[in-house]
Amino acid sequence: MDLVWIPIAVAAGFFQAVRTAAQKAVNAHLSTWMTTYVRSLWGLPFLIAYLAIVVSVEGAGVPTVPAVYWLHVAGCALTQVLATWVLIRLFQRSNFAVGTILTKTDVMQAALIGSLLFSEIISFNGVFAIILSVLGVLLVSGRQAQGAFQRLSLWQAVTSVSTGLGLLTGFLFCLSYLFLREASLVMPEGSGAYRAAWTVVGVTVMQVVGLGMYMAWRERDQFAPMLRHWRPCVFIGLTSAAGSIGWFTAMAMQNASYVKAVGQTEVIFTILISTFFFRETISPREYVGIATIVASVVILAF
């Protein structure tokens, strides 16, 4: 059971890759904030159903949690919403390749910030595996990055808005992981699945209520087109719920930075989707990148 978090994190990476692609597509019809909101609104029913199943199976009731638990849940809810909004803004830019790659620095940021300000304890093997996972992402994304740098000078790439958005996305996501991990640690009872189920529902309810109030105030006209596109919204909700369950459960069991290092397998799924559905070829460098990411997972496992 000690390593069960690894396949859970891999599955979460898969669902996140699929959900992110779906969000990018639906953003052509909805505003950035509504595209962000869809993830929580349509995912909540699936998450509540999952919570009911977990509570029924474990025969447990409502947990007793300290006040600091809700502070961590609120921090996770807020940073996750902001990170998703910034990520979608990044999608809207024509030269988003470098910025998108930089969002993957979230695992490095989580390790550094988690060690300094949170309760993350990173071993030498853990540091090595994290570095390998980021290197693998850079290798897999090499073709994309090369095309971006050909359009931009080095100074433009470093100082571009896309670069800033990419780093900000990674930073906000890393904070959401760390808040999530802390919330799971301060809940005094239950298995990893039980603690994750309550926490993911708590975070999502806060997002649905908080962002829903903003949408009703500022972007009420977006609800009609959202309902017209309910089929992709349901798909986003389902894949988002599945991914969130995976992330929350894995992070209830293991360091957030380790979980996200394994979650870098998301880029492998992205490559495989491009290969099998869009008939794109995999370059030798991408094969090396995939092998590097897999090696980082093996190091964390042993």
C-alpha atoms as a PDB file:
ATOM      1  CA  MET A   1       0.000   0.000   0.000  1.00  0.00           C
ATOM      2  CA  ASP A   2       2.997   2.327   0.481  1.00  0.00           C
ATOM      3  CA  LEU A   3       3.344   2.915  -3.269  1.00  0.00           C
ATOM      4  CA  VAL A   4      -0.337   3.010  -4.204  1.00  0.00           C
ATOM      5  CA  TRP A   5      -0.063   6.809  -4.503  1.00  0.00           C
ATOM      6  CA  ILE A   6       2.087   6.379  -7.641  1.00  0.00           C
ATOM      7  CA  PRO A   7      -0.542   4.834  -9.972  1.00  0.00           C
ATOM      8  CA  ILE A   8      -3.088   7.239  -8.478  1.00  0.00           C
ATOM      9  CA  ALA A   9      -0.860  10.209  -9.417  1.00  0.00           C
ATOM     10  CA  VAL A  10      -0.285   8.781 -12.909  1.00  0.00           C
ATOM     11  CA  ALA A  11      -4.051   8.478 -13.401  1.00  0.00           C
ATOM     12  CA  ALA A  12      -4.487  12.059 -12.162  1.00  0.00           C
ATOM     13  CA  GLY A  13      -1.934  13.237 -14.727  1.00  0.00           C
ATOM     14  CA  PHE A  14      -3.874  11.461 -17.486  1.00  0.00           C
ATOM     15  CA  PHE A  15      -7.198  13.019 -16.531  1.00  0.00           C
ATOM     16  CA  GLN A  16      -5.595  16.450 -16.207  1.00  0.00           C
ATOM     17  CA  ALA A  17      -4.144  16.197 -19.717  1.00  0.00           C
ATOM     18  CA  VAL A  18      -7.567  15.323 -21.145  1.00  0.00           C
ATOM     19  CA  ARG A  19      -9.379  17.981 -19.095  1.00  0.00           C
ATOM     20  CA  THR A  20      -6.911  20.721 -20.035  1.00  0.00           C
ATOM     21  CA  ALA A  21      -7.361  19.967 -23.741  1.00  0.00           C
ATOM     22  CA  ALA A  22     -11.149  20.095 -23.323  1.00  0.00           C
ATOM     23  CA  GLN A  23     -10.960  23.412 -21.446  1.00  0.00           C
ATOM     24  CA  LYS A  24      -8.810  24.901 -24.175  1.00  0.00           C
ATOM     25  CA  ALA A  25     -11.438  23.890 -26.754  1.00  0.00           C
ATOM     26  CA  VAL A  26     -14.445  25.198 -24.797  1.00  0.00           C
ATOM     27  CA  ASN A  27     -12.682  28.514 -24.167  1.00  0.00           C
ATOM     28  CA  ALA A  28     -13.458  29.379 -27.794  1.00  0.00           C
ATOM     29  CA  HIS A  29     -17.129  29.677 -26.759  1.00  0.00           C
ATOM     30  CA  LEU A  30     -16.905  30.897 -23.141  1.00  0.00           C
ATOM     31  CA  SER A  31     -15.068  33.639 -21.282  1.00  0.00           C
ATOM     32  CA  THR A  32     -11.899  32.881 -19.343  1.00  0.00           C
ATOM     33  CA  TRP A  33     -13.667  33.057 -15.979  1.00  0.00           C
ATOM     34  CA  MET A  34     -16.570  30.878 -17.123  1.00  0.00           C
ATOM     35  CA  THR A  35     -14.152  28.316 -18.565  1.00  0.00           C
ATOM     36  CA  THR A  36     -12.487  28.300 -15.160  1.00  0.00           C
ATOM     37  CA  TYR A  37     -15.846  28.011 -13.373  1.00  0.00           C
ATOM     38  CA  VAL A  38     -17.071  25.098 -15.501  1.00  0.00           C
ATOM     39  CA  ARG A  39     -14.388  22.873 -13.996  1.00  0.00           C
ATOM     40  CA  SER A  40     -15.744  23.274 -10.464  1.00  0.00           C
ATOM     41  CA  LEU A  41     -19.465  23.662 -11.195  1.00  0.00           C
ATOM     42  CA  TRP A  42     -19.855  20.548 -13.335  1.00  0.00           C
ATOM     43  CA  GLY A  43     -17.318  18.560 -11.354  1.00  0.00           C
ATOM     44  CA  LEU A  44     -19.028  19.034  -7.970  1.00  0.00           C
ATOM     45  CA  PRO A  45     -21.872  16.475  -8.498  1.00  0.00           C
ATOM     46  CA  PHE A  46     -19.330  13.785  -9.385  1.00  0.00           C
ATOM     47  CA  LEU A  47     -17.235  14.666  -6.330  1.00  0.00           C
ATOM     48  CA  ILE A  48     -20.240  14.547  -3.984  1.00  0.00           C
ATOM     49  CA  ALA A  49     -21.157  11.125  -5.381  1.00  0.00           C
ATOM     50  CA  TYR A  50     -17.585   9.948  -4.776  1.00  0.00           C
ATOM     51  CA  LEU A  51     -17.673  11.276  -1.201  1.00  0.00           C
ATOM     52  CA  ALA A  52     -20.922   9.402  -0.538  1.00  0.00           C
ATOM     53  CA  ILE A  53     -19.361   6.173  -1.788  1.00  0.00           C
ATOM     54  CA  VAL A  54     -16.216   6.593   0.332  1.00  0.00           C
ATOM     55  CA  VAL A  55     -18.187   7.427   3.482  1.00  0.00           C
ATOM     56  CA  SER A  56     -20.489   4.457   2.886  1.00  0.00           C
ATOM     57  CA  VAL A  57     -17.625   2.021   2.295  1.00  0.00           C
ATOM     58  CA  GLU A  58     -15.616   3.188   5.308  1.00  0.00           C
ATOM     59  CA  GLY A  59     -18.668   3.478   7.560  1.00  0.00           C
ATOM     60  CA  ALA A  60     -17.532   6.876   8.798  1.00  0.00           C
ATOM     61  CA  GLY A  61     -19.398  10.107   9.339  1.00  0.00           C
ATOM     62  CA  VAL A  62     -18.525  13.794   9.175  1.00  0.00           C
ATOM     63  CA  PRO A  63     -14.951  14.374  10.420  1.00  0.00           C
ATOM     64  CA  THR A  64     -14.028  16.719  13.258  1.00  0.00           C
ATOM     65  CA  VAL A  65     -11.384  19.146  12.037  1.00  0.00           C
ATOM     66  CA  PRO A  66      -9.526  22.103  13.604  1.00  0.00           C
ATOM     67  CA  ALA A  67     -10.085  25.665  12.362  1.00  0.00           C
ATOM     68  CA  VAL A  68      -6.711  25.714  10.583  1.00  0.00           C
ATOM     69  CA  TYR A  69      -8.013  22.962   8.287  1.00  0.00           C
ATOM     70  CA  TRP A  70     -10.495  25.390   6.747  1.00  0.00           C
ATOM     71  CA  LEU A  71      -7.749  27.984   6.241  1.00  0.00           C
ATOM     72  CA  HIS A  72      -5.768  25.449   4.216  1.00  0.00           C
ATOM     73  CA  VAL A  73      -8.897  24.429   2.275  1.00  0.00           C
ATOM     74  CA  ALA A  74      -9.655  28.087   1.481  1.00  0.00           C
ATOM     75  CA  GLY A  75      -6.040  28.666   0.412  1.00  0.00           C
ATOM     76  CA  CYS A  76      -6.208  25.654  -1.906  1.00  0.00           C
ATOM     77  CA  ALA A  77      -9.558  26.752  -3.369  1.00  0.00           C
ATOM     78  CA  LEU A  78      -8.367  30.298  -4.075  1.00  0.00           C
ATOM     79  CA  THR A  79      -4.952  29.452  -5.540  1.00  0.00           C
ATOM     80  CA  GLN A  80      -6.404  26.665  -7.687  1.00  0.00           C
ATOM     81  CA  VAL A  81      -8.996  28.998  -9.230  1.00  0.00           C
ATOM     82  CA  LEU A  82      -6.412  31.722  -9.871  1.00  0.00           C
ATOM     83  CA  ALA A  83      -3.959  29.203 -11.352  1.00  0.00           C
ATOM     84  CA  THR A  84      -6.602  27.825 -13.730  1.00  0.00           C
ATOM     85  CA  TRP A  85      -7.591  31.350 -14.807  1.00  0.00           C
ATOM     86  CA  VAL A  86      -3.963  32.309 -15.513  1.00  0.00           C
ATOM     87  CA  LEU A  87      -3.428  29.038 -17.406  1.00  0.00           C
ATOM     88  CA  ILE A  88      -6.411  29.729 -19.659  1.00  0.00           C
ATOM     89  CA  ARG A  89      -5.129  33.273 -20.257  1.00  0.00           C
ATOM     90  CA  LEU A  90      -1.872  31.644 -21.317  1.00  0.00           C
ATOM     91  CA  PHE A  91      -3.748  29.469 -23.838  1.00  0.00           C
ATOM     92  CA  GLN A  92      -5.090  32.630 -25.479  1.00  0.00           C
ATOM     93  CA  ARG A  93      -1.627  33.899 -26.397  1.00  0.00           C
ATOM     94  CA  SER A  94      -0.121  33.066 -29.767  1.00  0.00           C
ATOM     95  CA  ASN A  95       3.373  32.422 -28.342  1.00  0.00           C
ATOM     96  CA  PHE A  96       2.380  30.416 -25.313  1.00  0.00           C
ATOM     97  CA  ALA A  97       4.775  27.480 -25.897  1.00  0.00           C
ATOM     98  CA  VAL A  98       7.574  28.603 -23.574  1.00  0.00           C
ATOM     99  CA  GLY A  99       5.085  29.799 -20.968  1.00  0.00           C
ATOM    100  CA  THR A 100       3.257  26.473 -21.027  1.00  0.00           C
ATOM    101  CA  ILE A 101       6.522  24.618 -20.465  1.00  0.00           C
ATOM    102  CA  LEU A 102       7.314  26.919 -17.533  1.00  0.00           C
ATOM    103  CA  THR A 103       4.052  25.926 -15.829  1.00  0.00           C
ATOM    104  CA  LYS A 104       5.768  22.579 -15.278  1.00  0.00           C
ATOM    105  CA  THR A 105       8.209  24.257 -12.891  1.00  0.00           C
ATOM    106  CA  ASP A 106       5.412  23.865 -10.314  1.00  0.00           C
ATOM    107  CA  VAL A 107       7.075  20.698  -9.013  1.00  0.00           C
ATOM    108  CA  MET A 108      10.399  22.494  -8.432  1.00  0.00           C
ATOM    109  CA  GLN A 109       8.631  25.416  -6.792  1.00  0.00           C
ATOM    110  CA  ALA A 110       6.598  23.046  -4.606  1.00  0.00           C
ATOM    111  CA  ALA A 111       9.765  21.305  -3.412  1.00  0.00           C
ATOM    112  CA  LEU A 112      11.527  24.597  -2.606  1.00  0.00           C
ATOM    113  CA  ILE A 113       8.606  26.477  -1.043  1.00  0.00           C
ATOM    114  CA  GLY A 114       7.309  23.339   0.672  1.00  0.00           C
ATOM    115  CA  SER A 115      10.670  22.712   2.318  1.00  0.00           C
ATOM    116  CA  LEU A 116      11.042  26.324   3.473  1.00  0.00           C
ATOM    117  CA  LEU A 117       7.495  27.281   4.490  1.00  0.00           C
ATOM    118  CA  PHE A 118       5.462  24.062   4.747  1.00  0.00           C
ATOM    119  CA  SER A 119       6.012  20.564   6.135  1.00  0.00           C
ATOM    120  CA  GLU A 120       7.604  19.013   3.016  1.00  0.00           C
ATOM    121  CA  ILE A 121      10.682  16.883   3.757  1.00  0.00           C
ATOM    122  CA  ILE A 122      12.587  16.066   0.569  1.00  0.00           C
ATOM    123  CA  SER A 123      15.187  13.288   0.489  1.00  0.00           C
ATOM    124  CA  PHE A 124      18.251  13.256  -1.775  1.00  0.00           C
ATOM    125  CA  ASN A 125      16.590  10.668  -4.029  1.00  0.00           C
ATOM    126  CA  GLY A 126      13.486  12.857  -4.062  1.00  0.00           C
ATOM    127  CA  VAL A 127      15.455  15.910  -5.214  1.00  0.00           C
ATOM    128  CA  PHE A 128      17.146  13.852  -7.931  1.00  0.00           C
ATOM    129  CA  ALA A 129      13.810  12.431  -9.121  1.00  0.00           C
ATOM    130  CA  ILE A 130      12.222  15.902  -9.216  1.00  0.00           C
ATOM    131  CA  ILE A 131      15.111  17.279 -11.290  1.00  0.00           C
ATOM    132  CA  LEU A 132      14.856  14.288 -13.640  1.00  0.00           C
ATOM    133  CA  SER A 133      11.111  14.788 -14.087  1.00  0.00           C
ATOM    134  CA  VAL A 134      11.567  18.460 -15.025  1.00  0.00           C
ATOM    135  CA  LEU A 135      14.415  17.569 -17.392  1.00  0.00           C
ATOM    136  CA  GLY A 136      12.162  14.971 -19.015  1.00  0.00           C
ATOM    137  CA  VAL A 137       9.429  17.578 -19.528  1.00  0.00           C
ATOM    138  CA  LEU A 138      11.941  19.925 -21.164  1.00  0.00           C
ATOM    139  CA  LEU A 139      13.113  17.163 -23.500  1.00  0.00           C
ATOM    140  CA  VAL A 140       9.569  16.140 -24.431  1.00  0.00           C
ATOM    141  CA  SER A 141       8.648  19.790 -25.000  1.00  0.00           C
ATOM    142  CA  GLY A 142      11.811  20.491 -26.968  1.00  0.00           C
ATOM    143  CA  ARG A 143      10.132  20.749 -30.369  1.00  0.00           C
ATOM    144  CA  GLN A 144       7.510  23.137 -29.006  1.00  0.00           C
ATOM    145  CA  ALA A 145      10.115  25.263 -27.225  1.00  0.00           C
ATOM    146  CA  GLN A 146      12.376  25.360 -30.263  1.00  0.00           C
ATOM    147  CA  GLY A 147       9.581  26.726 -32.414  1.00  0.00           C
ATOM    148  CA  ALA A 148       8.807  29.376 -29.820  1.00  0.00           C
ATOM    149  CA  PHE A 149      12.422  30.491 -29.493  1.00  0.00           C
ATOM    150  CA  GLN A 150      12.745  30.739 -33.274  1.00  0.00           C
ATOM    151  CA  ARG A 151       9.996  33.373 -33.177  1.00  0.00           C
ATOM    152  CA  LEU A 152      11.470  35.202 -30.178  1.00  0.00           C
ATOM    153  CA  SER A 153      14.899  36.457 -29.187  1.00  0.00           C
ATOM    154  CA  LEU A 154      16.278  35.161 -25.884  1.00  0.00           C
ATOM    155  CA  TRP A 155      15.472  38.517 -24.220  1.00  0.00           C
ATOM    156  CA  GLN A 156      11.933  38.468 -25.584  1.00  0.00           C
ATOM    157  CA  ALA A 157      11.434  34.895 -24.380  1.00  0.00           C
ATOM    158  CA  VAL A 158      12.685  35.716 -20.882  1.00  0.00           C
ATOM    159  CA  THR A 159      10.698  38.951 -20.527  1.00  0.00           C
ATOM    160  CA  SER A 160       7.554  38.004 -22.455  1.00  0.00           C
ATOM    161  CA  VAL A 161       4.125  38.062 -20.864  1.00  0.00           C
ATOM    162  CA  SER A 162       3.762  34.353 -21.675  1.00  0.00           C
ATOM    163  CA  THR A 163       6.866  33.544 -19.636  1.00  0.00           C
ATOM    164  CA  GLY A 164       5.507  35.503 -16.687  1.00  0.00           C
ATOM    165  CA  LEU A 165       2.122  33.813 -16.959  1.00  0.00           C
ATOM    166  CA  GLY A 166       3.768  30.398 -17.137  1.00  0.00           C
ATOM    167  CA  LEU A 167       5.840  30.968 -14.001  1.00  0.00           C
ATOM    168  CA  LEU A 168       2.842  32.492 -12.189  1.00  0.00           C
ATOM    169  CA  THR A 169       0.695  29.497 -13.109  1.00  0.00           C
ATOM    170  CA  GLY A 170       3.318  27.130 -11.750  1.00  0.00           C
ATOM    171  CA  PHE A 171       3.630  29.179  -8.558  1.00  0.00           C
ATOM    172  CA  LEU A 172      -0.120  29.269  -7.903  1.00  0.00           C
ATOM    173  CA  PHE A 173      -0.549  25.582  -8.628  1.00  0.00           C
ATOM    174  CA  CYS A 174       2.348  24.741  -6.324  1.00  0.00           C
ATOM    175  CA  LEU A 175       0.695  26.722  -3.519  1.00  0.00           C
ATOM    176  CA  SER A 176      -2.583  24.890  -4.099  1.00  0.00           C
ATOM    177  CA  TYR A 177      -0.792  21.534  -3.794  1.00  0.00           C
ATOM    178  CA  LEU A 178       0.921  22.596  -0.571  1.00  0.00           C
ATOM    179  CA  PHE A 179      -2.282  23.942   0.994  1.00  0.00           C
ATOM    180  CA  LEU A 180      -3.983  20.691   0.011  1.00  0.00           C
ATOM    181  CA  ARG A 181      -1.236  18.590   1.553  1.00  0.00           C
ATOM    182  CA  GLU A 182      -1.391  20.585   4.804  1.00  0.00           C
ATOM    183  CA  ALA A 183      -5.182  20.224   4.953  1.00  0.00           C
ATOM    184  CA  SER A 184      -4.896  16.444   4.644  1.00  0.00           C
ATOM    185  CA  LEU A 185      -2.266  16.357   7.408  1.00  0.00           C
ATOM    186  CA  VAL A 186      -4.306  18.311   9.967  1.00  0.00           C
ATOM    187  CA  MET A 187      -7.430  16.172   9.499  1.00  0.00           C
ATOM    188  CA  PRO A 188      -7.019  13.794  12.443  1.00  0.00           C
ATOM    189  CA  GLU A 189      -8.967  10.770  11.226  1.00  0.00           C
ATOM    190  CA  GLY A 190      -9.643   8.466   8.293  1.00  0.00           C
ATOM    191  CA  SER A 191      -7.775   6.874   5.405  1.00  0.00           C
ATOM    192  CA  GLY A 192      -6.139   8.839   2.606  1.00  0.00           C
ATOM    193  CA  ALA A 193      -9.221   8.340   0.421  1.00  0.00           C
ATOM    194  CA  TYR A 194     -11.540   9.516   3.222  1.00  0.00           C
ATOM    195  CA  ARG A 195      -9.510  12.657   3.983  1.00  0.00           C
ATOM    196  CA  ALA A 196      -9.104  13.428   0.285  1.00  0.00           C
ATOM    197  CA  ALA A 197     -12.818  12.991  -0.459  1.00  0.00           C
ATOM    198  CA  TRP A 198     -13.892  15.463   2.232  1.00  0.00           C
ATOM    199  CA  THR A 199     -11.163  17.933   1.304  1.00  0.00           C
ATOM    200  CA  VAL A 200     -11.828  17.902  -2.447  1.00  0.00           C
ATOM    201  CA  VAL A 201     -15.545  18.484  -1.856  1.00  0.00           C
ATOM    202  CA  GLY A 202     -14.797  21.294   0.606  1.00  0.00           C
ATOM    203  CA  VAL A 203     -12.433  23.004  -1.822  1.00  0.00           C
ATOM    204  CA  THR A 204     -14.847  22.631  -4.756  1.00  0.00           C
ATOM    205  CA  VAL A 205     -17.865  23.915  -2.806  1.00  0.00           C
ATOM    206  CA  MET A 206     -15.888  27.034  -1.882  1.00  0.00           C
ATOM    207  CA  GLN A 207     -14.966  27.530  -5.533  1.00  0.00           C
ATOM    208  CA  VAL A 208     -18.526  27.002  -6.783  1.00  0.00           C
ATOM    209  CA  VAL A 209     -19.996  29.448  -4.256  1.00  0.00           C
ATOM    210  CA  GLY A 210     -17.257  32.081  -4.378  1.00  0.00           C
ATOM    211  CA  LEU A 211     -16.679  32.156  -8.120  1.00  0.00           C
ATOM    212  CA  GLY A 212     -20.402  31.661  -8.751  1.00  0.00           C
ATOM    213  CA  MET A 213     -21.179  34.883  -6.870  1.00  0.00           C
ATOM    214  CA  TYR A 214     -18.603  36.705  -8.977  1.00  0.00           C
ATOM    215  CA  MET A 215     -20.014  35.257 -12.211  1.00  0.00           C
ATOM    216  CA  ALA A 216     -23.576  36.252 -11.238  1.00  0.00           C
ATOM    217  CA  TRP A 217     -22.334  39.775 -10.561  1.00  0.00           C
ATOM    218  CA  ARG A 218     -19.928  40.379 -13.451  1.00  0.00           C
ATOM    219  CA  GLU A 219     -20.580  37.807 -16.202  1.00  0.00           C
ATOM    220  CA  ARG A 220     -24.196  36.741 -15.889  1.00  0.00           C
ATOM    221  CA  ASP A 221     -24.517  36.610 -19.674  1.00  0.00           C
ATOM    222  CA  GLN A 222     -22.063  33.678 -19.761  1.00  0.00           C
ATOM    223  CA  PHE A 223     -24.481  31.191 -18.191  1.00  0.00           C
ATOM    224  CA  ALA A 224     -26.590  30.857 -21.353  1.00  0.00           C
ATOM    225  CA  PRO A 225     -23.705  29.864 -23.668  1.00  0.00           C
ATOM    226  CA  MET A 226     -22.411  27.534 -20.948  1.00  0.00           C
ATOM    227  CA  LEU A 227     -25.756  25.684 -20.938  1.00  0.00           C
ATOM    228  CA  ARG A 228     -25.740  25.535 -24.738  1.00  0.00           C
ATOM    229  CA  HIS A 229     -22.378  23.758 -24.555  1.00  0.00           C
ATOM    230  CA  TRP A 230     -23.380  21.471 -21.704  1.00  0.00           C
ATOM    231  CA  ARG A 231     -21.945  18.312 -23.264  1.00  0.00           C
ATOM    232  CA  PRO A 232     -18.278  19.440 -23.237  1.00  0.00           C
ATOM    233  CA  CYS A 233     -18.949  21.019 -19.827  1.00  0.00           C
ATOM    234  CA  VAL A 234     -20.069  17.657 -18.434  1.00  0.00           C
ATOM    235  CA  PHE A 235     -16.936  16.070 -19.895  1.00  0.00           C
ATOM    236  CA  ILE A 236     -14.742  18.741 -18.293  1.00  0.00           C
ATOM    237  CA  GLY A 237     -16.533  18.251 -14.993  1.00  0.00           C
ATOM    238  CA  LEU A 238     -16.085  14.473 -15.094  1.00  0.00           C
ATOM    239  CA  THR A 239     -12.392  14.526 -16.045  1.00  0.00           C
ATOM    240  CA  SER A 240     -11.719  17.359 -13.600  1.00  0.00           C
ATOM    241  CA  ALA A 241     -13.386  15.416 -10.789  1.00  0.00           C
ATOM    242  CA  ALA A 242     -11.419  12.270 -11.642  1.00  0.00           C
ATOM    243  CA  GLY A 243      -8.160  14.221 -11.759  1.00  0.00           C
ATOM    244  CA  SER A 244      -8.894  16.063  -8.523  1.00  0.00           C
ATOM    245  CA  ILE A 245      -9.744  12.831  -6.724  1.00  0.00           C
ATOM    246  CA  GLY A 246      -6.411  11.431  -7.891  1.00  0.00           C
ATOM    247  CA  TRP A 247      -4.353  14.473  -6.865  1.00  0.00           C
ATOM    248  CA  PHE A 248      -6.081  14.893  -3.514  1.00  0.00           C
ATOM    249  CA  THR A 249      -5.821  11.197  -2.644  1.00  0.00           C
ATOM    250  CA  ALA A 250      -2.156  10.909  -3.635  1.00  0.00           C
ATOM    251  CA  MET A 251      -1.241  14.090  -1.752  1.00  0.00           C
ATOM    252  CA  ALA A 252      -3.015  12.806   1.344  1.00  0.00           C
ATOM    253  CA  MET A 253      -0.528   9.921   1.220  1.00  0.00           C
ATOM    254  CA  GLN A 254       2.720  11.530   0.036  1.00  0.00           C
ATOM    255  CA  ASN A 255       4.647  14.822  -0.324  1.00  0.00           C
ATOM    256  CA  ALA A 256       3.040  17.202  -2.808  1.00  0.00           C
ATOM    257  CA  SER A 257       6.295  17.662  -4.741  1.00  0.00           C
ATOM    258  CA  TYR A 258       6.746  13.882  -5.139  1.00  0.00           C
ATOM    259  CA  VAL A 259       3.165  13.490  -6.332  1.00  0.00           C
ATOM    260  CA  LYS A 260       3.592  16.252  -8.905  1.00  0.00           C
ATOM    261  CA  ALA A 261       6.897  14.769 -10.060  1.00  0.00           C
ATOM    262  CA  VAL A 262       5.037  11.545 -10.863  1.00  0.00           C
ATOM    263  CA  GLY A 263       2.237  13.669 -12.305  1.00  0.00           C
ATOM    264  CA  GLN A 264       4.644  14.917 -14.968  1.00  0.00           C
ATOM    265  CA  THR A 265       3.568  11.767 -16.803  1.00  0.00           C
ATOM    266  CA  GLU A 266       0.780  14.076 -17.989  1.00  0.00           C
ATOM    267  CA  VAL A 267       3.093  15.240 -20.797  1.00  0.00           C
ATOM    268  CA  ILE A 268       3.612  11.614 -21.854  1.00  0.00           C
ATOM    269  CA  PHE A 269      -0.143  11.182 -22.235  1.00  0.00           C
ATOM    270  CA  THR A 270      -0.253  14.432 -24.223  1.00  0.00           C
ATOM    271  CA  ILE A 271       2.394  13.055 -26.590  1.00  0.00           C
ATOM    272  CA  LEU A 272       0.573   9.736 -26.924  1.00  0.00           C
ATOM    273  CA  ILE A 273      -2.722  11.485 -27.670  1.00  0.00           C
ATOM    274  CA  SER A 274      -0.996  13.524 -30.383  1.00  0.00           C
ATOM    275  CA  THR A 275       0.556  10.357 -31.806  1.00  0.00           C
ATOM    276  CA  PHE A 276      -2.451   8.038 -31.881  1.00  0.00           C
ATOM    277  CA  PHE A 277      -5.237  10.538 -32.586  1.00  0.00           C
ATOM    278  CA  PHE A 278      -3.453  13.183 -34.656  1.00  0.00           C
ATOM    279  CA  ARG A 279      -0.883  10.886 -36.324  1.00  0.00           C
ATOM    280  CA  GLU A 280       2.088  12.985 -35.203  1.00  0.00           C
ATOM    281  CA  THR A 281       5.483  11.292 -34.944  1.00  0.00           C
ATOM    282  CA  ILE A 282       7.579  11.040 -31.788  1.00  0.00           C
ATOM    283  CA  SER A 283      11.120  12.373 -32.177  1.00  0.00           C
ATOM    284  CA  PRO A 284      14.197  10.690 -30.622  1.00  0.00           C
ATOM    285  CA  ARG A 285      14.480  13.551 -28.129  1.00  0.00           C
ATOM    286  CA  GLU A 286      10.880  13.003 -27.048  1.00  0.00           C
ATOM    287  CA  TYR A 287      11.580   9.300 -26.513  1.00  0.00           C
ATOM    288  CA  VAL A 288      14.523  10.259 -24.282  1.00  0.00           C
ATOM    289  CA  GLY A 289      12.273  12.702 -22.407  1.00  0.00           C
ATOM    290  CA  ILE A 290       9.623  10.032 -21.853  1.00  0.00           C
ATOM    291  CA  ALA A 291      12.282   7.614 -20.584  1.00  0.00           C
ATOM    292  CA  THR A 292      13.626  10.310 -18.230  1.00  0.00           C
ATOM    293  CA  ILE A 293      10.200  10.956 -16.731  1.00  0.00           C
ATOM    294  CA  VAL A 294       9.641   7.224 -16.286  1.00  0.00           C
ATOM    295  CA  ALA A 295      13.070   6.972 -14.601  1.00  0.00           C
ATOM    296  CA  SER A 296      12.062   9.700 -12.121  1.00  0.00           C
ATOM    297  CA  VAL A 297       8.953   7.687 -11.212  1.00  0.00           C
ATOM    298  CA  VAL A 298      11.058   4.538 -10.701  1.00  0.00           C
ATOM    299  CA  ILE A 299      13.451   6.426  -8.408  1.00  0.00           C
ATOM    300  CA  LEU A 300      10.556   7.666  -6.266  1.00  0.00           C
ATOM    301  CA  ALA A 301       9.174   4.131  -6.125  1.00  0.00           C
ATOM    302  CA  PHE A 302      12.438   2.585  -4.896  1.00  0.00           C
END
